Amino acid sequence: DSRASWLGYYSRFQGGFVSILALTLLYWIATTISVD
């Protein structure tokens, strides 16, 4: 089910690769930026 795997559960757009990518990038940003 490529649509659900890319975009997530129907009507929620959560749990798919796009949302996982967004959360992963947020974690990467949070762990690499400076204290300031």
PDB file of all heavy atoms in Angstrom:
ATOM      1  N   ASP A   1       0.870  -1.187   0.000  1.00  0.00           N
ATOM      2  CA  ASP A   1       0.000   0.000   0.000  1.00  0.00           C
ATOM      3  C   ASP A   1       0.897   1.224   0.000  1.00  0.00           C
ATOM      4  O   ASP A   1       1.233   1.773   1.050  1.00  0.00           O
ATOM      5  CB  ASP A   1      -0.921  -0.010   1.222  1.00  0.00           C
ATOM      6  CG  ASP A   1      -2.007   1.059   1.153  1.00  0.00           C
ATOM      7  OD1 ASP A   1      -1.849   2.003   0.361  1.00  0.00           O
ATOM      8  OD2 ASP A   1      -3.010   0.949   1.877  1.00  0.00           O
ATOM      9  N   SER A   2       1.299   1.646  -1.181  1.00  0.00           N
ATOM     10  CA  SER A   2       2.297   2.712  -1.282  1.00  0.00           C
ATOM     11  C   SER A   2       1.778   4.034  -0.750  1.00  0.00           C
ATOM     12  O   SER A   2       2.532   4.802  -0.143  1.00  0.00           O
ATOM     13  CB  SER A   2       2.742   2.870  -2.739  1.00  0.00           C
ATOM     14  OG  SER A   2       1.638   3.153  -3.570  1.00  0.00           O
ATOM     15  N   ARG A   3       0.493   4.323  -0.959  1.00  0.00           N
ATOM     16  CA  ARG A   3      -0.030   5.613  -0.495  1.00  0.00           C
ATOM     17  C   ARG A   3       0.050   5.734   1.020  1.00  0.00           C
ATOM     18  O   ARG A   3       0.521   6.739   1.553  1.00  0.00           O
ATOM     19  CB  ARG A   3      -1.486   5.784  -0.940  1.00  0.00           C
ATOM     20  CG  ARG A   3      -2.067   7.143  -0.540  1.00  0.00           C
ATOM     21  CD  ARG A   3      -3.575   7.193  -0.699  1.00  0.00           C
ATOM     22  NE  ARG A   3      -4.105   8.480  -0.294  1.00  0.00           N
ATOM     23  CZ  ARG A   3      -4.306   8.859   0.957  1.00  0.00           C
ATOM     24  NH1 ARG A   3      -4.000   8.028   1.938  1.00  0.00           N
ATOM     25  NH2 ARG A   3      -4.789  10.056   1.249  1.00  0.00           N
ATOM     26  N   ALA A   4      -0.415   4.689   1.728  1.00  0.00           N
ATOM     27  CA  ALA A   4      -0.365   4.725   3.191  1.00  0.00           C
ATOM     28  C   ALA A   4       1.077   4.702   3.689  1.00  0.00           C
ATOM     29  O   ALA A   4       1.390   5.329   4.706  1.00  0.00           O
ATOM     30  CB  ALA A   4      -1.144   3.543   3.773  1.00  0.00           C
ATOM     31  N   SER A   5       1.955   4.012   2.990  1.00  0.00           N
ATOM     32  CA  SER A   5       3.347   3.932   3.425  1.00  0.00           C
ATOM     33  C   SER A   5       4.074   5.260   3.242  1.00  0.00           C
ATOM     34  O   SER A   5       4.949   5.605   4.034  1.00  0.00           O
ATOM     35  CB  SER A   5       4.075   2.822   2.651  1.00  0.00           C
ATOM     36  OG  SER A   5       3.509   1.569   2.935  1.00  0.00           O
ATOM     37  N   TRP A   6       3.721   6.002   2.204  1.00  0.00           N
ATOM     38  CA  TRP A   6       4.362   7.309   1.995  1.00  0.00           C
ATOM     39  C   TRP A   6       3.742   8.390   2.867  1.00  0.00           C
ATOM     40  O   TRP A   6       4.454   9.144   3.530  1.00  0.00           O
ATOM     41  CB  TRP A   6       4.252   7.715   0.519  1.00  0.00           C
ATOM     42  CG  TRP A   6       5.233   7.045  -0.374  1.00  0.00           C
ATOM     43  CD1 TRP A   6       4.987   6.027  -1.253  1.00  0.00           C
ATOM     44  CD2 TRP A   6       6.635   7.312  -0.477  1.00  0.00           C
ATOM     45  NE1 TRP A   6       6.134   5.646  -1.897  1.00  0.00           N
ATOM     46  CE2 TRP A   6       7.164   6.420  -1.446  1.00  0.00           C
ATOM     47  CE3 TRP A   6       7.495   8.218   0.143  1.00  0.00           C
ATOM     48  CZ2 TRP A   6       8.509   6.417  -1.794  1.00  0.00           C
ATOM     49  CZ3 TRP A   6       8.837   8.215  -0.203  1.00  0.00           C
ATOM     50  CH2 TRP A   6       9.333   7.323  -1.168  1.00  0.00           C
ATOM     51  N   LEU A   7       2.415   8.455   2.871  1.00  0.00           N
ATOM     52  CA  LEU A   7       1.729   9.586   3.507  1.00  0.00           C
ATOM     53  C   LEU A   7       1.176   9.277   4.886  1.00  0.00           C
ATOM     54  O   LEU A   7       0.860  10.189   5.645  1.00  0.00           O
ATOM     55  CB  LEU A   7       0.586  10.078   2.601  1.00  0.00           C
ATOM     56  CG  LEU A   7       1.012  10.568   1.219  1.00  0.00           C
ATOM     57  CD1 LEU A   7      -0.211  10.985   0.420  1.00  0.00           C
ATOM     58  CD2 LEU A   7       1.995  11.724   1.335  1.00  0.00           C
ATOM     59  N   GLY A   8       1.025   7.998   5.217  1.00  0.00           N
ATOM     60  CA  GLY A   8       0.510   7.657   6.527  1.00  0.00           C
ATOM     61  C   GLY A   8      -0.939   7.203   6.471  1.00  0.00           C
ATOM     62  O   GLY A   8      -1.540   7.050   5.403  1.00  0.00           O
ATOM     63  N   TYR A   9      -1.506   7.028   7.639  1.00  0.00           N
ATOM     64  CA  TYR A   9      -2.866   6.513   7.771  1.00  0.00           C
ATOM     65  C   TYR A   9      -3.861   7.473   7.135  1.00  0.00           C
ATOM     66  O   TYR A   9      -3.709   8.685   7.193  1.00  0.00           O
ATOM     67  CB  TYR A   9      -3.193   6.313   9.259  1.00  0.00           C
ATOM     68  CG  TYR A   9      -4.512   5.640   9.511  1.00  0.00           C
ATOM     69  CD1 TYR A   9      -4.671   4.282   9.272  1.00  0.00           C
ATOM     70  CD2 TYR A   9      -5.598   6.365   9.991  1.00  0.00           C
ATOM     71  CE1 TYR A   9      -5.885   3.659   9.507  1.00  0.00           C
ATOM     72  CE2 TYR A   9      -6.814   5.746  10.229  1.00  0.00           C
ATOM     73  CZ  TYR A   9      -6.950   4.398   9.976  1.00  0.00           C
ATOM     74  OH  TYR A   9      -8.146   3.791  10.210  1.00  0.00           O
ATOM     75  N   TYR A  10      -4.902   6.925   6.535  1.00  0.00           N
ATOM     76  CA  TYR A  10      -5.897   7.736   5.839  1.00  0.00           C
ATOM     77  C   TYR A  10      -6.524   8.770   6.784  1.00  0.00           C
ATOM     78  O   TYR A  10      -6.863   8.460   7.923  1.00  0.00           O
ATOM     79  CB  TYR A  10      -6.997   6.841   5.269  1.00  0.00           C
ATOM     80  CG  TYR A  10      -6.498   5.886   4.221  1.00  0.00           C
ATOM     81  CD1 TYR A  10      -6.171   4.580   4.530  1.00  0.00           C
ATOM     82  CD2 TYR A  10      -6.319   6.315   2.913  1.00  0.00           C
ATOM     83  CE1 TYR A  10      -5.699   3.703   3.554  1.00  0.00           C
ATOM     84  CE2 TYR A  10      -5.842   5.464   1.937  1.00  0.00           C
ATOM     85  CZ  TYR A  10      -5.538   4.151   2.263  1.00  0.00           C
ATOM     86  OH  TYR A  10      -5.065   3.298   1.307  1.00  0.00           O
ATOM     87  N   SER A  11      -6.662   9.965   6.286  1.00  0.00           N
ATOM     88  CA  SER A  11      -7.273  11.126   6.954  1.00  0.00           C
ATOM     89  C   SER A  11      -6.404  11.708   8.061  1.00  0.00           C
ATOM     90  O   SER A  11      -6.750  12.725   8.641  1.00  0.00           O
ATOM     91  CB  SER A  11      -8.656  10.775   7.542  1.00  0.00           C
ATOM     92  OG  SER A  11      -8.547  10.028   8.744  1.00  0.00           O
ATOM     93  N   ARG A  12      -5.260  11.070   8.376  1.00  0.00           N
ATOM     94  CA  ARG A  12      -4.420  11.577   9.456  1.00  0.00           C
ATOM     95  C   ARG A  12      -3.032  11.997   8.963  1.00  0.00           C
ATOM     96  O   ARG A  12      -2.375  12.798   9.612  1.00  0.00           O
ATOM     97  CB  ARG A  12      -4.273  10.524  10.555  1.00  0.00           C
ATOM     98  CG  ARG A  12      -5.564  10.307  11.337  1.00  0.00           C
ATOM     99  CD  ARG A  12      -5.389   9.189  12.356  1.00  0.00           C
ATOM    100  NE  ARG A  12      -6.530   9.073  13.247  1.00  0.00           N
ATOM    101  CZ  ARG A  12      -7.626   8.394  12.969  1.00  0.00           C
ATOM    102  NH1 ARG A  12      -7.737   7.768  11.820  1.00  0.00           N
ATOM    103  NH2 ARG A  12      -8.614   8.330  13.833  1.00  0.00           N
ATOM    104  N   PHE A  13      -2.554  11.426   7.869  1.00  0.00           N
ATOM    105  CA  PHE A  13      -1.237  11.747   7.327  1.00  0.00           C
ATOM    106  C   PHE A  13      -0.151  11.619   8.396  1.00  0.00           C
ATOM    107  O   PHE A  13       0.679  12.506   8.575  1.00  0.00           O
ATOM    108  CB  PHE A  13      -1.231  13.152   6.713  1.00  0.00           C
ATOM    109  CG  PHE A  13      -2.130  13.274   5.524  1.00  0.00           C
ATOM    110  CD1 PHE A  13      -3.370  13.884   5.622  1.00  0.00           C
ATOM    111  CD2 PHE A  13      -1.746  12.739   4.298  1.00  0.00           C
ATOM    112  CE1 PHE A  13      -4.208  13.967   4.524  1.00  0.00           C
ATOM    113  CE2 PHE A  13      -2.576  12.825   3.192  1.00  0.00           C
ATOM    114  CZ  PHE A  13      -3.819  13.451   3.308  1.00  0.00           C
ATOM    115  N   GLN A  14      -0.188  10.518   9.121  1.00  0.00           N
ATOM    116  CA  GLN A  14       0.775  10.275  10.190  1.00  0.00           C
ATOM    117  C   GLN A  14       1.159   8.808  10.161  1.00  0.00           C
ATOM    118  O   GLN A  14       0.325   7.930   9.934  1.00  0.00           O
ATOM    119  CB  GLN A  14       0.162  10.641  11.552  1.00  0.00           C
ATOM    120  CG  GLN A  14       1.135  10.639  12.715  1.00  0.00           C
ATOM    121  CD  GLN A  14       1.332   9.263  13.331  1.00  0.00           C
ATOM    122  OE1 GLN A  14       0.434   8.447  13.265  1.00  0.00           O
ATOM    123  NE2 GLN A  14       2.479   9.031  13.917  1.00  0.00           N
ATOM    124  N   GLY A  15       2.459   8.553  10.380  1.00  0.00           N
ATOM    125  CA  GLY A  15       2.933   7.183  10.424  1.00  0.00           C
ATOM    126  C   GLY A  15       3.581   6.704   9.144  1.00  0.00           C
ATOM    127  O   GLY A  15       4.128   5.606   9.105  1.00  0.00           O
ATOM    128  N   GLY A  16       3.534   7.528   8.097  1.00  0.00           N
ATOM    129  CA  GLY A  16       4.173   7.158   6.851  1.00  0.00           C
ATOM    130  C   GLY A  16       5.611   7.643   6.785  1.00  0.00           C
ATOM    131  O   GLY A  16       6.147   8.236   7.727  1.00  0.00           O
ATOM    132  N   PHE A  17       6.248   7.393   5.647  1.00  0.00           N
ATOM    133  CA  PHE A  17       7.659   7.756   5.500  1.00  0.00           C
ATOM    134  C   PHE A  17       7.872   9.263   5.593  1.00  0.00           C
ATOM    135  O   PHE A  17       8.888   9.721   6.132  1.00  0.00           O
ATOM    136  CB  PHE A  17       8.187   7.235   4.160  1.00  0.00           C
ATOM    137  CG  PHE A  17       9.635   7.552   3.937  1.00  0.00           C
ATOM    138  CD1 PHE A  17      10.625   6.813   4.572  1.00  0.00           C
ATOM    139  CD2 PHE A  17      10.019   8.596   3.102  1.00  0.00           C
ATOM    140  CE1 PHE A  17      11.963   7.105   4.381  1.00  0.00           C
ATOM    141  CE2 PHE A  17      11.356   8.890   2.901  1.00  0.00           C
ATOM    142  CZ  PHE A  17      12.330   8.147   3.536  1.00  0.00           C
ATOM    143  N   VAL A  18       6.925  10.047   5.081  1.00  0.00           N
ATOM    144  CA  VAL A  18       7.072  11.505   5.110  1.00  0.00           C
ATOM    145  C   VAL A  18       7.127  12.020   6.543  1.00  0.00           C
ATOM    146  O   VAL A  18       7.989  12.833   6.898  1.00  0.00           O
ATOM    147  CB  VAL A  18       5.922  12.172   4.332  1.00  0.00           C
ATOM    148  CG1 VAL A  18       5.984  13.684   4.490  1.00  0.00           C
ATOM    149  CG2 VAL A  18       5.989  11.801   2.858  1.00  0.00           C
ATOM    150  N   SER A  19       6.210  11.549   7.401  1.00  0.00           N
ATOM    151  CA  SER A  19       6.210  12.006   8.792  1.00  0.00           C
ATOM    152  C   SER A  19       7.442  11.494   9.541  1.00  0.00           C
ATOM    153  O   SER A  19       8.012  12.199  10.376  1.00  0.00           O
ATOM    154  CB  SER A  19       4.932  11.551   9.499  1.00  0.00           C
ATOM    155  OG  SER A  19       4.848  10.140   9.539  1.00  0.00           O
ATOM    156  N   ILE A  20       7.868  10.257   9.246  1.00  0.00           N
ATOM    157  CA  ILE A  20       9.076   9.719   9.878  1.00  0.00           C
ATOM    158  C   ILE A  20      10.299  10.532   9.461  1.00  0.00           C
ATOM    159  O   ILE A  20      11.180  10.836  10.275  1.00  0.00           O
ATOM    160  CB  ILE A  20       9.254   8.234   9.524  1.00  0.00           C
ATOM    161  CG1 ILE A  20       8.153   7.406  10.188  1.00  0.00           C
ATOM    162  CG2 ILE A  20      10.631   7.729   9.959  1.00  0.00           C
ATOM    163  CD1 ILE A  20       8.142   5.961   9.760  1.00  0.00           C
ATOM    164  N   LEU A  21      10.351  10.904   8.184  1.00  0.00           N
ATOM    165  CA  LEU A  21      11.461  11.731   7.700  1.00  0.00           C
ATOM    166  C   LEU A  21      11.479  13.076   8.410  1.00  0.00           C
ATOM    167  O   LEU A  21      12.548  13.559   8.816  1.00  0.00           O
ATOM    168  CB  LEU A  21      11.325  11.928   6.188  1.00  0.00           C
ATOM    169  CG  LEU A  21      12.355  12.849   5.529  1.00  0.00           C
ATOM    170  CD1 LEU A  21      13.759  12.283   5.698  1.00  0.00           C
ATOM    171  CD2 LEU A  21      12.027  13.041   4.058  1.00  0.00           C
ATOM    172  N   ALA A  22      10.320  13.682   8.581  1.00  0.00           N
ATOM    173  CA  ALA A  22      10.250  14.983   9.255  1.00  0.00           C
ATOM    174  C   ALA A  22      10.740  14.877  10.702  1.00  0.00           C
ATOM    175  O   ALA A  22      11.518  15.718  11.173  1.00  0.00           O
ATOM    176  CB  ALA A  22       8.820  15.516   9.204  1.00  0.00           C
ATOM    177  N   LEU A  23      10.284  13.850  11.420  1.00  0.00           N
ATOM    178  CA  LEU A  23      10.703  13.676  12.809  1.00  0.00           C
ATOM    179  C   LEU A  23      12.197  13.373  12.910  1.00  0.00           C
ATOM    180  O   LEU A  23      12.879  13.838  13.833  1.00  0.00           O
ATOM    181  CB  LEU A  23       9.895  12.556  13.455  1.00  0.00           C
ATOM    182  CG  LEU A  23       8.397  12.826  13.634  1.00  0.00           C
ATOM    183  CD1 LEU A  23       7.679  11.578  14.117  1.00  0.00           C
ATOM    184  CD2 LEU A  23       8.173  13.984  14.603  1.00  0.00           C
ATOM    185  N   THR A  24      12.705  12.586  11.972  1.00  0.00           N
ATOM    186  CA  THR A  24      14.130  12.266  11.971  1.00  0.00           C
ATOM    187  C   THR A  24      14.977  13.499  11.737  1.00  0.00           C
ATOM    188  O   THR A  24      15.997  13.716  12.408  1.00  0.00           O
ATOM    189  CB  THR A  24      14.437  11.216  10.896  1.00  0.00           C
ATOM    190  OG1 THR A  24      13.600  10.072  11.097  1.00  0.00           O
ATOM    191  CG2 THR A  24      15.886  10.783  10.963  1.00  0.00           C
ATOM    192  N   LEU A  25      14.552  14.344  10.811  1.00  0.00           N
ATOM    193  CA  LEU A  25      15.286  15.579  10.544  1.00  0.00           C
ATOM    194  C   LEU A  25      15.234  16.521  11.738  1.00  0.00           C
ATOM    195  O   LEU A  25      16.225  17.199  12.047  1.00  0.00           O
ATOM    196  CB  LEU A  25      14.718  16.259   9.295  1.00  0.00           C
ATOM    197  CG  LEU A  25      14.976  15.535   7.967  1.00  0.00           C
ATOM    198  CD1 LEU A  25      14.291  16.267   6.822  1.00  0.00           C
ATOM    199  CD2 LEU A  25      16.471  15.396   7.711  1.00  0.00           C
ATOM    200  N   LEU A  26      14.089  16.559  12.416  1.00  0.00           N
ATOM    201  CA  LEU A  26      13.994  17.396  13.609  1.00  0.00           C
ATOM    202  C   LEU A  26      14.967  16.923  14.687  1.00  0.00           C
ATOM    203  O   LEU A  26      15.621  17.728  15.364  1.00  0.00           O
ATOM    204  CB  LEU A  26      12.554  17.375  14.154  1.00  0.00           C
ATOM    205  CG  LEU A  26      11.525  18.209  13.390  1.00  0.00           C
ATOM    206  CD1 LEU A  26      10.136  17.993  13.968  1.00  0.00           C
ATOM    207  CD2 LEU A  26      11.891  19.693  13.456  1.00  0.00           C
ATOM    208  N   TYR A  27      15.050  15.590  14.852  1.00  0.00           N
ATOM    209  CA  TYR A  27      15.996  15.052  15.840  1.00  0.00           C
ATOM    210  C   TYR A  27      17.432  15.390  15.449  1.00  0.00           C
ATOM    211  O   TYR A  27      18.238  15.788  16.283  1.00  0.00           O
ATOM    212  CB  TYR A  27      15.825  13.532  15.943  1.00  0.00           C
ATOM    213  CG  TYR A  27      16.887  12.873  16.788  1.00  0.00           C
ATOM    214  CD1 TYR A  27      16.795  12.888  18.171  1.00  0.00           C
ATOM    215  CD2 TYR A  27      17.990  12.256  16.198  1.00  0.00           C
ATOM    216  CE1 TYR A  27      17.773  12.289  18.950  1.00  0.00           C
ATOM    217  CE2 TYR A  27      18.967  11.665  16.970  1.00  0.00           C
ATOM    218  CZ  TYR A  27      18.854  11.682  18.343  1.00  0.00           C
ATOM    219  OH  TYR A  27      19.823  11.110  19.105  1.00  0.00           O
ATOM    220  N   TRP A  28      17.754  15.243  14.162  1.00  0.00           N
ATOM    221  CA  TRP A  28      19.108  15.532  13.697  1.00  0.00           C
ATOM    222  C   TRP A  28      19.452  17.000  13.915  1.00  0.00           C
ATOM    223  O   TRP A  28      20.556  17.334  14.363  1.00  0.00           O
ATOM    224  CB  TRP A  28      19.223  15.170  12.223  1.00  0.00           C
ATOM    225  CG  TRP A  28      20.555  15.511  11.638  1.00  0.00           C
ATOM    226  CD1 TRP A  28      21.742  14.867  11.852  1.00  0.00           C
ATOM    227  CD2 TRP A  28      20.847  16.602  10.769  1.00  0.00           C
ATOM    228  NE1 TRP A  28      22.751  15.482  11.160  1.00  0.00           N
ATOM    229  CE2 TRP A  28      22.235  16.553  10.480  1.00  0.00           C
ATOM    230  CE3 TRP A  28      20.072  17.610  10.193  1.00  0.00           C
ATOM    231  CZ2 TRP A  28      22.852  17.479   9.656  1.00  0.00           C
ATOM    232  CZ3 TRP A  28      20.684  18.526   9.358  1.00  0.00           C
ATOM    233  CH2 TRP A  28      22.057  18.465   9.099  1.00  0.00           C
ATOM    234  N   ILE A  29      18.505  17.876  13.634  1.00  0.00           N
ATOM    235  CA  ILE A  29      18.736  19.314  13.844  1.00  0.00           C
ATOM    236  C   ILE A  29      18.955  19.612  15.321  1.00  0.00           C
ATOM    237  O   ILE A  29      19.858  20.355  15.709  1.00  0.00           O
ATOM    238  CB  ILE A  29      17.555  20.121  13.289  1.00  0.00           C
ATOM    239  CG1 ILE A  29      17.511  20.013  11.760  1.00  0.00           C
ATOM    240  CG2 ILE A  29      17.660  21.584  13.699  1.00  0.00           C
ATOM    241  CD1 ILE A  29      16.261  20.606  11.148  1.00  0.00           C
ATOM    242  N   ALA A  30      18.099  18.989  16.169  1.00  0.00           N
ATOM    243  CA  ALA A  30      18.178  19.270  17.611  1.00  0.00           C
ATOM    244  C   ALA A  30      19.483  18.771  18.226  1.00  0.00           C
ATOM    245  O   ALA A  30      19.948  19.315  19.232  1.00  0.00           O
ATOM    246  CB  ALA A  30      16.992  18.632  18.327  1.00  0.00           C
ATOM    247  N   THR A  31      20.088  17.740  17.639  1.00  0.00           N
ATOM    248  CA  THR A  31      21.310  17.182  18.220  1.00  0.00           C
ATOM    249  C   THR A  31      22.582  17.765  17.615  1.00  0.00           C
ATOM    250  O   THR A  31      23.680  17.419  18.070  1.00  0.00           O
ATOM    251  CB  THR A  31      21.334  15.657  18.034  1.00  0.00           C
ATOM    252  OG1 THR A  31      21.138  15.334  16.642  1.00  0.00           O
ATOM    253  CG2 THR A  31      20.237  15.003  18.864  1.00  0.00           C
ATOM    254  N   THR A  32      22.445  18.612  16.615  1.00  0.00           N
ATOM    255  CA  THR A  32      23.644  19.158  15.980  1.00  0.00           C
ATOM    256  C   THR A  32      23.793  20.665  16.148  1.00  0.00           C
ATOM    257  O   THR A  32      24.899  21.187  15.956  1.00  0.00           O
ATOM    258  CB  THR A  32      23.655  18.836  14.468  1.00  0.00           C
ATOM    259  OG1 THR A  32      22.432  19.309  13.875  1.00  0.00           O
ATOM    260  CG2 THR A  32      23.790  17.340  14.235  1.00  0.00           C
ATOM    261  N   ILE A  33      22.743  21.349  16.524  1.00  0.00           N
ATOM    262  CA  ILE A  33      22.846  22.800  16.665  1.00  0.00           C
ATOM    263  C   ILE A  33      23.494  23.154  17.997  1.00  0.00           C
ATOM    264  O   ILE A  33      23.540  22.354  18.936  1.00  0.00           O
ATOM    265  CB  ILE A  33      21.460  23.472  16.551  1.00  0.00           C
ATOM    266  CG1 ILE A  33      20.524  22.950  17.651  1.00  0.00           C
ATOM    267  CG2 ILE A  33      20.868  23.256  15.186  1.00  0.00           C
ATOM    268  CD1 ILE A  33      19.169  23.614  17.634  1.00  0.00           C
ATOM    269  N   SER A  34      23.965  24.374  18.085  1.00  0.00           N
ATOM    270  CA  SER A  34      24.668  24.844  19.280  1.00  0.00           C
ATOM    271  C   SER A  34      23.679  25.224  20.376  1.00  0.00           C
ATOM    272  O   SER A  34      22.468  25.330  20.148  1.00  0.00           O
ATOM    273  CB  SER A  34      25.531  26.055  18.928  1.00  0.00           C
ATOM    274  OG  SER A  34      24.712  27.126  18.488  1.00  0.00           O
ATOM    275  N   VAL A  35      24.220  25.456  21.568  1.00  0.00           N
ATOM    276  CA  VAL A  35      23.395  25.837  22.715  1.00  0.00           C
ATOM    277  C   VAL A  35      22.706  27.171  22.470  1.00  0.00           C
ATOM    278  O   VAL A  35      21.538  27.372  22.820  1.00  0.00           O
ATOM    279  CB  VAL A  35      24.253  25.885  23.996  1.00  0.00           C
ATOM    280  CG1 VAL A  35      23.424  26.399  25.169  1.00  0.00           C
ATOM    281  CG2 VAL A  35      24.815  24.508  24.311  1.00  0.00           C
ATOM    282  N   ASP A  36      23.428  28.121  21.853  1.00  0.00           N
ATOM    283  CA  ASP A  36      22.840  29.430  21.586  1.00  0.00           C
ATOM    284  C   ASP A  36      21.633  29.315  20.664  1.00  0.00           C
ATOM    285  O   ASP A  36      20.616  29.996  20.857  1.00  0.00           O
ATOM    286  CB  ASP A  36      23.892  30.353  20.965  1.00  0.00           C
ATOM    287  CG  ASP A  36      25.000  30.720  21.953  1.00  0.00           C
ATOM    288  OD1 ASP A  36      24.720  30.693  23.167  1.00  0.00           O
ATOM    289  OD2 ASP A  36      26.120  31.015  21.503  1.00  0.00           O
TER     290      ASP A  36
END
